[in-house]
Every structure is written in structure tokens, then in C-alpha cells.
C-alpha atoms as a PDB file:
ATOM      1  CA  MET A   1     -26.575   9.457  -2.845  1.00  0.00           C
ATOM      2  CA  THR A   2     -30.076   8.280  -2.016  1.00  0.00           C
ATOM      3  CA  ASN A   3     -30.577   4.624  -1.167  1.00  0.00           C
ATOM      4  CA  SER A   4     -32.408   4.037  -4.440  1.00  0.00           C
ATOM      5  CA  VAL A   5     -29.308   4.792  -6.527  1.00  0.00           C
ATOM      6  CA  LEU A   6     -26.720   3.153  -4.288  1.00  0.00           C
ATOM      7  CA  PRO A   7     -25.159   0.007  -5.753  1.00  0.00           C
ATOM      8  CA  ILE A   8     -25.400  -3.270  -3.880  1.00  0.00           C
ATOM      9  CA  ILE A   9     -21.972  -4.120  -2.470  1.00  0.00           C
ATOM     10  CA  SER A  10     -21.288  -7.830  -1.959  1.00  0.00           C
ATOM     11  CA  ILE A  11     -18.591  -8.738   0.559  1.00  0.00           C
ATOM     12  CA  ILE A  12     -17.506 -12.310   1.244  1.00  0.00           C
ATOM     13  CA  THR A  13     -15.755 -13.278   4.478  1.00  0.00           C
ATOM     14  CA  PRO A  14     -14.224 -16.772   4.548  1.00  0.00           C
ATOM     15  CA  SER A  15     -13.478 -18.043   8.031  1.00  0.00           C
ATOM     16  CA  PHE A  16     -12.040 -21.006   9.870  1.00  0.00           C
ATOM     17  CA  ASN A  17     -11.104 -20.964  13.555  1.00  0.00           C
ATOM     18  CA  GLN A  18     -10.573 -17.192  13.703  1.00  0.00           C
ATOM     19  CA  GLY A  19     -12.387 -16.601  16.976  1.00  0.00           C
ATOM     20  CA  ASP A  20      -9.747 -14.164  18.198  1.00  0.00           C
ATOM     21  CA  PHE A  21     -10.333 -11.693  15.368  1.00  0.00           C
ATOM     22  CA  VAL A  22     -13.530 -12.494  13.481  1.00  0.00           C
ATOM     23  CA  ALA A  23     -15.775 -10.255  15.578  1.00  0.00           C
ATOM     24  CA  ASP A  24     -13.594  -7.254  14.727  1.00  0.00           C
ATOM     25  CA  THR A  25     -13.875  -8.118  11.039  1.00  0.00           C
ATOM     26  CA  VAL A  26     -17.645  -8.519  11.049  1.00  0.00           C
ATOM     27  CA  ARG A  27     -18.174  -5.443  13.198  1.00  0.00           C
ATOM     28  CA  SER A  28     -16.047  -3.330  10.855  1.00  0.00           C
ATOM     29  CA  VAL A  29     -18.360  -4.262   7.969  1.00  0.00           C
ATOM     30  CA  PHE A  30     -21.705  -3.788   9.696  1.00  0.00           C
ATOM     31  CA  GLU A  31     -20.587  -0.547  11.351  1.00  0.00           C
ATOM     32  CA  GLN A  32     -20.187   0.929   7.871  1.00  0.00           C
ATOM     33  CA  ARG A  33     -23.978   1.364   8.054  1.00  0.00           C
ATOM     34  CA  TYR A  34     -24.091   0.906   4.301  1.00  0.00           C
ATOM     35  CA  PRO A  35     -27.783   0.465   3.418  1.00  0.00           C
ATOM     36  CA  LYS A  36     -27.359  -1.876   0.425  1.00  0.00           C
ATOM     37  CA  LEU A  37     -24.853  -4.328   1.831  1.00  0.00           C
ATOM     38  CA  GLU A  38     -24.872  -7.990   0.854  1.00  0.00           C
ATOM     39  CA  TYR A  39     -22.585  -9.589   3.436  1.00  0.00           C
ATOM     40  CA  ILE A  40     -21.915 -13.311   2.994  1.00  0.00           C
ATOM     41  CA  PHE A  41     -20.162 -15.269   5.751  1.00  0.00           C
ATOM     42  CA  MET A  42     -18.614 -18.585   4.753  1.00  0.00           C
ATOM     43  CA  ASP A  43     -17.286 -20.549   7.721  1.00  0.00           C
ATOM     44  CA  GLY A  44     -15.494 -23.837   7.163  1.00  0.00           C
ATOM     45  CA  GLY A  45     -16.906 -25.590  10.229  1.00  0.00           C
ATOM     46  CA  SER A  46     -14.920 -23.829  12.938  1.00  0.00           C
ATOM     47  CA  ILE A  47     -14.422 -25.721  16.192  1.00  0.00           C
ATOM     48  CA  ASP A  48     -13.174 -22.769  18.247  1.00  0.00           C
ATOM     49  CA  ASN A  49     -15.342 -19.868  19.467  1.00  0.00           C
ATOM     50  CA  THR A  50     -15.868 -18.315  16.012  1.00  0.00           C
ATOM     51  CA  LEU A  51     -19.608 -19.025  15.875  1.00  0.00           C
ATOM     52  CA  GLU A  52     -20.079 -17.666  19.374  1.00  0.00           C
ATOM     53  CA  ARG A  53     -18.265 -14.452  18.449  1.00  0.00           C
ATOM     54  CA  VAL A  54     -20.387 -13.822  15.346  1.00  0.00           C
ATOM     55  CA  ALA A  55     -23.692 -14.941  16.898  1.00  0.00           C
ATOM     56  CA  PRO A  56     -24.876 -11.364  17.641  1.00  0.00           C
ATOM     57  CA  TYR A  57     -24.621 -10.539  13.927  1.00  0.00           C
ATOM     58  CA  ARG A  58     -25.959 -13.758  12.458  1.00  0.00           C
ATOM     59  CA  ASP A  59     -29.403 -12.451  11.503  1.00  0.00           C
ATOM     60  CA  HIS A  60     -27.862  -9.514   9.644  1.00  0.00           C
ATOM     61  CA  PHE A  61     -25.894 -11.522   7.090  1.00  0.00           C
ATOM     62  CA  PHE A  62     -27.295 -11.897   3.592  1.00  0.00           C
ATOM     63  CA  HIS A  63     -26.075 -15.496   3.766  1.00  0.00           C
ATOM     64  CA  PHE A  64     -24.440 -17.382   6.625  1.00  0.00           C
ATOM     65  CA  GLN A  65     -23.143 -20.921   6.661  1.00  0.00           C
ATOM     66  CA  SER A  66     -20.814 -23.025   8.764  1.00  0.00           C
ATOM     67  CA  GLU A  67     -19.868 -26.406   7.333  1.00  0.00           C
ATOM     68  CA  PRO A  68     -16.727 -28.215   6.192  1.00  0.00           C
ATOM     69  CA  ASP A  69     -15.394 -26.876   2.896  1.00  0.00           C
ATOM     70  CA  ASP A  70     -12.369 -27.198   0.639  1.00  0.00           C
ATOM     71  CA  GLY A  71     -10.492 -24.234   2.075  1.00  0.00           C
ATOM     72  CA  GLN A  72     -10.355 -20.462   1.803  1.00  0.00           C
ATOM     73  CA  SER A  73     -10.389 -20.179  -1.982  1.00  0.00           C
ATOM     74  CA  ALA A  74     -13.358 -22.520  -2.300  1.00  0.00           C
ATOM     75  CA  ALA A  75     -15.253 -20.586   0.377  1.00  0.00           C
ATOM     76  CA  ILE A  76     -14.669 -17.268  -1.386  1.00  0.00           C
ATOM     77  CA  ALA A  77     -15.628 -18.706  -4.770  1.00  0.00           C
ATOM     78  CA  LYS A  78     -18.853 -20.174  -3.412  1.00  0.00           C
ATOM     79  CA  GLY A  79     -19.663 -16.906  -1.676  1.00  0.00           C
ATOM     80  CA  PHE A  80     -19.242 -14.953  -4.893  1.00  0.00           C
ATOM     81  CA  SER A  81     -21.471 -17.454  -6.701  1.00  0.00           C
ATOM     82  CA  LEU A  82     -24.216 -16.623  -4.178  1.00  0.00           C
ATOM     83  CA  SER A  83     -23.799 -12.867  -4.533  1.00  0.00           C
ATOM     84  CA  SER A  84     -25.603 -10.363  -6.741  1.00  0.00           C
ATOM     85  CA  GLY A  85     -23.929  -7.039  -5.966  1.00  0.00           C
ATOM     86  CA  GLU A  86     -22.754  -4.629  -8.631  1.00  0.00           C
ATOM     87  CA  ILE A  87     -19.619  -4.046  -6.532  1.00  0.00           C
ATOM     88  CA  MET A  88     -17.688  -7.023  -5.164  1.00  0.00           C
ATOM     89  CA  ALA A  89     -14.943  -7.658  -2.607  1.00  0.00           C
ATOM     90  CA  TYR A  90     -13.788 -10.140  -0.024  1.00  0.00           C
ATOM     91  CA  LEU A  91     -12.466  -9.516   3.464  1.00  0.00           C
ATOM     92  CA  ASN A  92     -10.574 -12.175   5.360  1.00  0.00           C
ATOM     93  CA  SER A  93     -11.706 -12.957   8.891  1.00  0.00           C
ATOM     94  CA  ASP A  94      -8.753 -11.258  10.567  1.00  0.00           C
ATOM     95  CA  ASP A  95      -8.724  -7.995   8.555  1.00  0.00           C
ATOM     96  CA  VAL A  96     -10.986  -4.946   8.965  1.00  0.00           C
ATOM     97  CA  LEU A  97     -12.546  -2.187   6.891  1.00  0.00           C
ATOM     98  CA  LEU A  98     -11.830   1.355   8.014  1.00  0.00           C
ATOM     99  CA  PRO A  99     -14.726   3.721   8.804  1.00  0.00           C
ATOM    100  CA  GLY A 100     -16.502   5.219   5.803  1.00  0.00           C
ATOM    101  CA  THR A 101     -14.985   2.839   3.272  1.00  0.00           C
ATOM    102  CA  LEU A 102     -18.165   1.482   1.673  1.00  0.00           C
ATOM    103  CA  ASN A 103     -19.771   4.894   1.203  1.00  0.00           C
ATOM    104  CA  PHE A 104     -16.525   6.150  -0.298  1.00  0.00           C
ATOM    105  CA  VAL A 105     -16.325   3.167  -2.665  1.00  0.00           C
ATOM    106  CA  ALA A 106     -19.933   3.531  -3.815  1.00  0.00           C
ATOM    107  CA  ASP A 107     -19.532   7.246  -4.454  1.00  0.00           C
ATOM    108  CA  TYR A 108     -16.207   6.801  -6.255  1.00  0.00           C
ATOM    109  CA  PHE A 109     -17.637   4.247  -8.662  1.00  0.00           C
ATOM    110  CA  ARG A 110     -20.625   6.543  -9.285  1.00  0.00           C
ATOM    111  CA  ARG A 111     -18.343   9.456 -10.133  1.00  0.00           C
ATOM    112  CA  HIS A 112     -15.976   7.332 -12.210  1.00  0.00           C
ATOM    113  CA  PRO A 113     -17.999   4.971 -14.425  1.00  0.00           C
ATOM    114  CA  GLU A 114     -14.870   4.305 -16.482  1.00  0.00           C
ATOM    115  CA  VAL A 115     -13.140   2.642 -13.501  1.00  0.00           C
ATOM    116  CA  ASP A 116     -13.639  -1.112 -13.145  1.00  0.00           C
ATOM    117  CA  CYS A 117     -11.608  -1.733 -10.002  1.00  0.00           C
ATOM    118  CA  LEU A 118     -10.265   0.472  -7.225  1.00  0.00           C
ATOM    119  CA  TYR A 119      -7.935  -0.139  -4.331  1.00  0.00           C
ATOM    120  CA  GLY A 120      -6.486   1.997  -1.551  1.00  0.00           C
ATOM    121  CA  HIS A 121      -3.523   2.014   0.770  1.00  0.00           C
ATOM    122  CA  ARG A 122      -3.118  -0.547   3.562  1.00  0.00           C
ATOM    123  CA  CYS A 123      -2.753  -0.112   7.312  1.00  0.00           C
ATOM    124  CA  ILE A 124      -1.040  -3.005   9.073  1.00  0.00           C
ATOM    125  CA  ILE A 125      -2.320  -3.929  12.532  1.00  0.00           C
ATOM    126  CA  ASN A 126      -1.293  -6.470  15.149  1.00  0.00           C
ATOM    127  CA  GLU A 127      -3.231  -8.854  17.388  1.00  0.00           C
ATOM    128  CA  VAL A 128      -4.500  -6.031  19.626  1.00  0.00           C
ATOM    129  CA  ASN A 129      -5.484  -3.625  16.811  1.00  0.00           C
ATOM    130  CA  GLN A 130      -2.400  -1.429  17.121  1.00  0.00           C
ATOM    131  CA  VAL A 131      -1.189   0.087  13.858  1.00  0.00           C
ATOM    132  CA  VAL A 132       2.319  -1.249  13.310  1.00  0.00           C
ATOM    133  CA  GLY A 133       2.943  -0.352   9.667  1.00  0.00           C
ATOM    134  CA  HIS A 134       1.626   0.917   6.361  1.00  0.00           C
ATOM    135  CA  TRP A 135       1.620  -0.162   2.736  1.00  0.00           C
ATOM    136  CA  ILE A 136       1.416   2.968   0.607  1.00  0.00           C
ATOM    137  CA  LEU A 137       1.309   2.545  -3.145  1.00  0.00           C
ATOM    138  CA  PRO A 138       1.961   4.804  -6.145  1.00  0.00           C
ATOM    139  CA  ARG A 139      -0.614   5.573  -8.803  1.00  0.00           C
ATOM    140  CA  HIS A 140      -1.806   2.428 -10.503  1.00  0.00           C
ATOM    141  CA  SER A 141       0.225   0.967 -13.325  1.00  0.00           C
ATOM    142  CA  SER A 142      -0.977  -2.316 -14.790  1.00  0.00           C
ATOM    143  CA  PHE A 143       2.550  -2.872 -16.094  1.00  0.00           C
ATOM    144  CA  LEU A 144       3.877  -2.788 -12.526  1.00  0.00           C
ATOM    145  CA  MET A 145       0.988  -4.440 -10.711  1.00  0.00           C
ATOM    146  CA  ARG A 146       0.904  -7.402 -13.086  1.00  0.00           C
ATOM    147  CA  ARG A 147       4.540  -8.010 -12.210  1.00  0.00           C
ATOM    148  CA  TRP A 148       4.393  -7.496  -8.446  1.00  0.00           C
ATOM    149  CA  ASP A 149       1.800  -8.906  -6.068  1.00  0.00           C
ATOM    150  CA  LEU A 150       1.260  -5.591  -4.290  1.00  0.00           C
ATOM    151  CA  ILE A 151      -2.442  -4.720  -4.556  1.00  0.00           C
ATOM    152  CA  PRO A 152      -3.863  -4.813  -1.001  1.00  0.00           C
ATOM    153  CA  GLN A 153      -6.656  -7.362  -1.392  1.00  0.00           C
ATOM    154  CA  GLU A 154      -8.609  -6.179   1.656  1.00  0.00           C
ATOM    155  CA  SER A 155      -8.836  -2.646   0.216  1.00  0.00           C
ATOM    156  CA  CYS A 156      -9.784  -3.722  -3.326  1.00  0.00           C
ATOM    157  CA  PHE A 157     -13.282  -3.482  -4.855  1.00  0.00           C
ATOM    158  CA  TRP A 158     -14.386  -4.254  -8.417  1.00  0.00           C
ATOM    159  CA  ARG A 159     -17.420  -4.146 -10.676  1.00  0.00           C
ATOM    160  CA  ARG A 160     -19.349  -7.329 -11.371  1.00  0.00           C
ATOM    161  CA  ARG A 161     -18.653  -7.041 -15.086  1.00  0.00           C
ATOM    162  CA  LEU A 162     -15.050  -8.100 -14.429  1.00  0.00           C
ATOM    163  CA  PHE A 163     -16.280 -11.140 -12.528  1.00  0.00           C
ATOM    164  CA  GLU A 164     -18.715 -12.028 -15.303  1.00  0.00           C
ATOM    165  CA  GLN A 165     -16.106 -11.714 -18.055  1.00  0.00           C
ATOM    166  CA  LYS A 166     -12.983 -13.085 -16.354  1.00  0.00           C
ATOM    167  CA  GLY A 167     -14.388 -15.440 -13.773  1.00  0.00           C
ATOM    168  CA  ASN A 168     -14.283 -16.374 -10.129  1.00  0.00           C
ATOM    169  CA  ILE A 169     -11.474 -17.177  -7.707  1.00  0.00           C
ATOM    170  CA  ASP A 170      -9.287 -20.048  -8.927  1.00  0.00           C
ATOM    171  CA  THR A 171      -9.695 -22.603  -6.143  1.00  0.00           C
ATOM    172  CA  SER A 172      -6.399 -24.305  -6.969  1.00  0.00           C
ATOM    173  CA  PHE A 173      -4.574 -21.457  -5.211  1.00  0.00           C
ATOM    174  CA  LEU A 174      -3.970 -21.507  -1.462  1.00  0.00           C
ATOM    175  CA  PHE A 175      -2.225 -18.145  -1.245  1.00  0.00           C
ATOM    176  CA  ALA A 176      -2.030 -16.157  -4.496  1.00  0.00           C
ATOM    177  CA  MET A 177      -5.703 -16.370  -5.443  1.00  0.00           C
ATOM    178  CA  ASP A 178      -6.025 -12.581  -5.239  1.00  0.00           C
ATOM    179  CA  TYR A 179      -2.957 -11.944  -7.403  1.00  0.00           C
ATOM    180  CA  ASP A 180      -4.244 -14.394 -10.011  1.00  0.00           C
ATOM    181  CA  LEU A 181      -7.680 -12.742  -9.953  1.00  0.00           C
ATOM    182  CA  PHE A 182      -6.297  -9.218 -10.308  1.00  0.00           C
ATOM    183  CA  VAL A 183      -3.953 -10.170 -13.158  1.00  0.00           C
ATOM    184  CA  ARG A 184      -6.929 -11.616 -15.041  1.00  0.00           C
ATOM    185  CA  TYR A 185      -9.059  -8.555 -14.320  1.00  0.00           C
ATOM    186  CA  MET A 186      -6.293  -6.155 -15.368  1.00  0.00           C
ATOM    187  CA  SER A 187      -6.299  -7.769 -18.813  1.00  0.00           C
ATOM    188  CA  ILE A 188      -9.674  -6.163 -19.583  1.00  0.00           C
ATOM    189  CA  GLY A 189     -10.454  -3.625 -16.846  1.00  0.00           C
ATOM    190  CA  ARG A 190      -9.314  -0.179 -15.777  1.00  0.00           C
ATOM    191  CA  PHE A 191      -7.819  -0.142 -12.278  1.00  0.00           C
ATOM    192  CA  GLN A 192      -7.400   2.926 -10.072  1.00  0.00           C
ATOM    193  CA  ARG A 193      -5.437   3.375  -6.868  1.00  0.00           C
ATOM    194  CA  VAL A 194      -7.233   5.890  -4.652  1.00  0.00           C
ATOM    195  CA  ASN A 195      -5.116   7.978  -2.294  1.00  0.00           C
ATOM    196  CA  ARG A 196      -6.885   6.819   0.832  1.00  0.00           C
ATOM    197  CA  PHE A 197      -6.685   4.057   3.429  1.00  0.00           C
ATOM    198  CA  LEU A 198      -9.677   1.736   3.027  1.00  0.00           C
ATOM    199  CA  ALA A 199      -8.814  -1.274   5.192  1.00  0.00           C
ATOM    200  CA  ALA A 200      -6.345  -2.755   7.649  1.00  0.00           C
ATOM    201  CA  PHE A 201      -4.414  -5.976   7.193  1.00  0.00           C
ATOM    202  CA  ARG A 202      -3.698  -7.946  10.352  1.00  0.00           C
ATOM    203  CA  VAL A 203      -0.367  -9.645  10.996  1.00  0.00           C
ATOM    204  CA  HIS A 204      -0.337 -12.286  13.713  1.00  0.00           C
ATOM    205  CA  GLN A 205       1.450 -15.479  14.606  1.00  0.00           C
ATOM    206  CA  ASP A 206      -1.047 -17.830  12.975  1.00  0.00           C
ATOM    207  CA  SER A 207      -1.789 -15.842   9.819  1.00  0.00           C
ATOM    208  CA  LYS A 208      -1.374 -17.665   6.536  1.00  0.00           C
ATOM    209  CA  THR A 209       0.564 -14.749   5.122  1.00  0.00           C
ATOM    210  CA  THR A 210       3.178 -14.925   7.849  1.00  0.00           C
ATOM    211  CA  THR A 211       3.716 -18.679   7.834  1.00  0.00           C
ATOM    212  CA  GLN A 212       3.445 -19.569   4.142  1.00  0.00           C
ATOM    213  CA  LEU A 213       4.710 -16.540   2.207  1.00  0.00           C
ATOM    214  CA  ALA A 214       8.246 -17.883   1.906  1.00  0.00           C
ATOM    215  CA  THR A 215       7.149 -21.217   0.434  1.00  0.00           C
ATOM    216  CA  ILE A 216       3.728 -21.792  -1.107  1.00  0.00           C
ATOM    217  CA  GLY A 217       3.091 -18.098  -1.739  1.00  0.00           C
ATOM    218  CA  LYS A 218       6.204 -17.539  -3.812  1.00  0.00           C
ATOM    219  CA  GLU A 219       5.573 -20.711  -5.794  1.00  0.00           C
ATOM    220  CA  GLU A 220       2.020 -19.647  -6.606  1.00  0.00           C
ATOM    221  CA  VAL A 221       3.055 -16.119  -7.599  1.00  0.00           C
ATOM    222  CA  ALA A 222       5.590 -17.671  -9.970  1.00  0.00           C
ATOM    223  CA  ARG A 223       2.833 -19.886 -11.402  1.00  0.00           C
ATOM    224  CA  VAL A 224       0.618 -16.863 -12.105  1.00  0.00           C
ATOM    225  CA  GLN A 225       3.482 -15.047 -13.792  1.00  0.00           C
ATOM    226  CA  GLN A 226       4.429 -18.041 -15.905  1.00  0.00           C
ATOM    227  CA  HIS A 227       0.830 -18.650 -16.988  1.00  0.00           C
ATOM    228  CA  ASN A 228       0.443 -15.000 -18.024  1.00  0.00           C
ATOM    229  CA  ASN A 229       3.872 -14.696 -19.673  1.00  0.00           C
ATOM    230  CA  ILE A 230       5.050 -12.176 -17.088  1.00  0.00           C
ATOM    231  CA  ASN A 231       8.827 -11.984 -17.060  1.00  0.00           C
ATOM    232  CA  LEU A 232      10.579 -10.206 -14.218  1.00  0.00           C
ATOM    233  CA  PRO A 233      14.203 -10.346 -13.068  1.00  0.00           C
ATOM    234  CA  PRO A 234      14.099 -11.328  -9.357  1.00  0.00           C
ATOM    235  CA  LEU A 235      16.297  -8.445  -8.190  1.00  0.00           C
ATOM    236  CA  MET A 236      14.032  -5.917  -9.905  1.00  0.00           C
ATOM    237  CA  GLY A 237      11.038  -7.235  -7.966  1.00  0.00           C
ATOM    238  CA  ASN A 238      12.906  -6.980  -4.676  1.00  0.00           C
ATOM    239  CA  PHE A 239      14.003  -3.422  -5.497  1.00  0.00           C
ATOM    240  CA  PHE A 240      10.471  -2.188  -6.258  1.00  0.00           C
ATOM    241  CA  SER A 241       9.047  -3.760  -3.098  1.00  0.00           C
ATOM    242  CA  LEU A 242      11.786  -2.163  -0.983  1.00  0.00           C
ATOM    243  CA  TRP A 243      11.216   1.199  -2.693  1.00  0.00           C
ATOM    244  CA  VAL A 244       7.531   1.206  -1.742  1.00  0.00           C
ATOM    245  CA  GLN A 245       8.339   0.262   1.852  1.00  0.00           C
ATOM    246  CA  LEU A 246      10.982   2.975   2.224  1.00  0.00           C
ATOM    247  CA  ARG A 247       8.708   5.692   0.815  1.00  0.00           C
ATOM    248  CA  SER A 248       5.932   4.524   3.134  1.00  0.00           C
ATOM    249  CA  ALA A 249       8.201   4.701   6.182  1.00  0.00           C
ATOM    250  CA  PHE A 250       9.541   8.149   5.256  1.00  0.00           C
ATOM    251  CA  PHE A 251       6.213   9.857   4.678  1.00  0.00           C
ATOM    252  CA  VAL A 252       4.579   8.344   7.749  1.00  0.00           C
ATOM    253  CA  ARG A 253       6.842  10.645   9.750  1.00  0.00           C
ATOM    254  CA  ARG A 254       5.680  13.867   8.104  1.00  0.00           C
ATOM    255  CA  GLY A 255       2.810  14.557  10.535  1.00  0.00           C
ATOM    256  CA  GLU A 256      -0.669  16.024   9.898  1.00  0.00           C
ATOM    257  CA  THR A 257      -3.829  13.967   9.435  1.00  0.00           C
ATOM    258  CA  PHE A 258      -5.295  11.828   6.698  1.00  0.00           C
ATOM    259  CA  PRO A 259      -8.961  10.826   6.220  1.00  0.00           C
ATOM    260  CA  GLY A 260      -9.895   7.188   6.619  1.00  0.00           C
ATOM    261  CA  LEU A 261      -7.421   6.318   9.361  1.00  0.00           C
ATOM    262  CA  PRO A 262      -8.083   4.761  12.767  1.00  0.00           C
ATOM    263  CA  PRO A 263      -8.067   7.199  15.712  1.00  0.00           C
ATOM    264  CA  GLY A 264      -4.589   8.247  16.732  1.00  0.00           C
ATOM    265  CA  LEU A 265      -2.874   7.581  13.400  1.00  0.00           C
ATOM    266  CA  ASN A 266      -1.727  10.884  11.924  1.00  0.00           C
ATOM    267  CA  PHE A 267       0.200  11.708   8.768  1.00  0.00           C
ATOM    268  CA  ASN A 268      -0.250  13.327   5.395  1.00  0.00           C
ATOM    269  CA  LEU A 269      -0.111  11.573   2.006  1.00  0.00           C
ATOM    270  CA  ASP A 270      -0.476  14.540  -0.333  1.00  0.00           C
ATOM    271  CA  MET A 271       3.247  14.612  -1.128  1.00  0.00           C
ATOM    272  CA  LEU A 272       3.797  10.855  -1.151  1.00  0.00           C
ATOM    273  CA  TRP A 273       3.416  10.146  -4.853  1.00  0.00           C
ATOM    274  CA  GLY A 274       2.623  13.668  -6.015  1.00  0.00           C
ATOM    275  CA  ASP A 275      -1.175  13.531  -5.815  1.00  0.00           C
ATOM    276  CA  SER A 276      -3.880  14.703  -3.428  1.00  0.00           C
ATOM    277  CA  THR A 277      -6.083  12.733  -1.094  1.00  0.00           C
ATOM    278  CA  ASP A 278      -9.438  11.401  -2.250  1.00  0.00           C
ATOM    279  CA  PRO A 279     -12.142  12.930  -0.018  1.00  0.00           C
ATOM    280  CA  LEU A 280     -15.371  11.277   1.013  1.00  0.00           C
END
């Protein structure tokens, strides 16, 4: 696609004291070399070396701020309110986009005007950028994805029309703000899982996901489900989650290569859920 027909993609990165990882996050976005990028960096007044790590990129952001805020959800919501892109996403300050993701996303939305939101598979990385796991999902089913918080937020992109019709991040959530957002968007929009890795999710000692999943996260997921009249027997949810993990682990061992992966990570997804890979 020529630059004149490319959609603006708005990406929000909320950050607070993520100096160990934030440069990797920012670099992964700018190294996409996507010509119509609207990258908004919302720092909550970090007191570590975050600002030093992002200083080389500061002039390239569409908007950059560092000041005390009301937390991650508030930072994301404010960032989206400043954005104008036709395609929207947010990337936490310890996760990374994989090479070629933004061009793939733009082209996919161009070829599929009926799709309102897309998401891909998830790589899981550790503190030193080693791939330690994978989150590989079946074809999208709104019935399933409304009931299980499984959409990889860092690999999810949506059209602005969903945002305009169903609203911004709910700032009352500390953990499940993405699940709440996607459940609302699924009520009116068409979602599509693409058979491609688009981003990597980082697991580390200080990550919110690691430390709060067992408490606040579960409570907030239950609140979303109750508010949206989503009924799910607990054992059924555990079974589906385990099923996805087992299929992921099995097919990772098949060998071959797959587009959109970091160097050195090799396996084939064509047989995973019975569909073929989505090329660039």
C-alpha cells in the first residue's frame, strides 16, 4: 500500500518505573518503520531510569508526557482520548511488537473491511528476551472469548468505530480493563483471530500479571462476567484454558518455521487449529 492509503495506527504505551524493559517496548514500535504511526507515551512520573531510557526516542512520539496520574487504566484512557488513528491498540511498557506487525495489521484491515478487531497469537518472553512459552488460540468465537479472558491484549488491534460506539477503557479496573473492553466491543463488532504471532508478552518478577492475577484479577474478571450476564461453571473455564495450553505445547514441538517470530524460534502452526498461516 502507498503511504496515502495507509491508515493511521494509534498505539498507547502506559508506563511507570519500567526502566528495565521500556526501551525494548519503544524500540519494537519505532522499528516497525510504519509511516503513519501515532505513538503516544503516557508515563506516570517515573522515578527510576525510564525517562533516560526513552530519551533517544522522545522527539519521535506523537505525544509524550511524564506526570503523576491515576494508574495504568487512566493513562491508557487519556492516551486514547488524545489519539486520532483509524486503528487503535495499546502496548504495555514491558511487552514488545514483533517485526512486521503494523504493516500486517494495516494490510489485513484493508483486505477485510468487515473485520472490526483482530488479534494474533502470543509469544511469552522473560526478563532477558528469551522466548519461554506461547499462547496459541483457536479461531475466534465470541461465545468462547466472552467467557474466558484469553485474547492477548498486546497483539490486539481494533477500528476506531468500536471505540466511538462502545467507549474507552473503564478506569475502575486495575487488571481486567482489556477483558472488559473486548467484551463490550464483541457485543457489536466482528473479531478475527489471525494465525500469526504479532507481539510478545513479558513475564517477570514485578509484572502486575504475575503478582495480582490470583487476587484482584480474578475478582475483576468475575465483575465483568456478572455485569454482562456471562455464566460459566468454574471447572469449564479451567478446562478450556488447560486445553489451549496443552495444544500450544504440543505443536511447538513440530518443527519448521513460522512468519512473525523472533530469530531462533521455529515451529509450524498450519496444523494447530486446522487453518493456514496469514502471510504478510
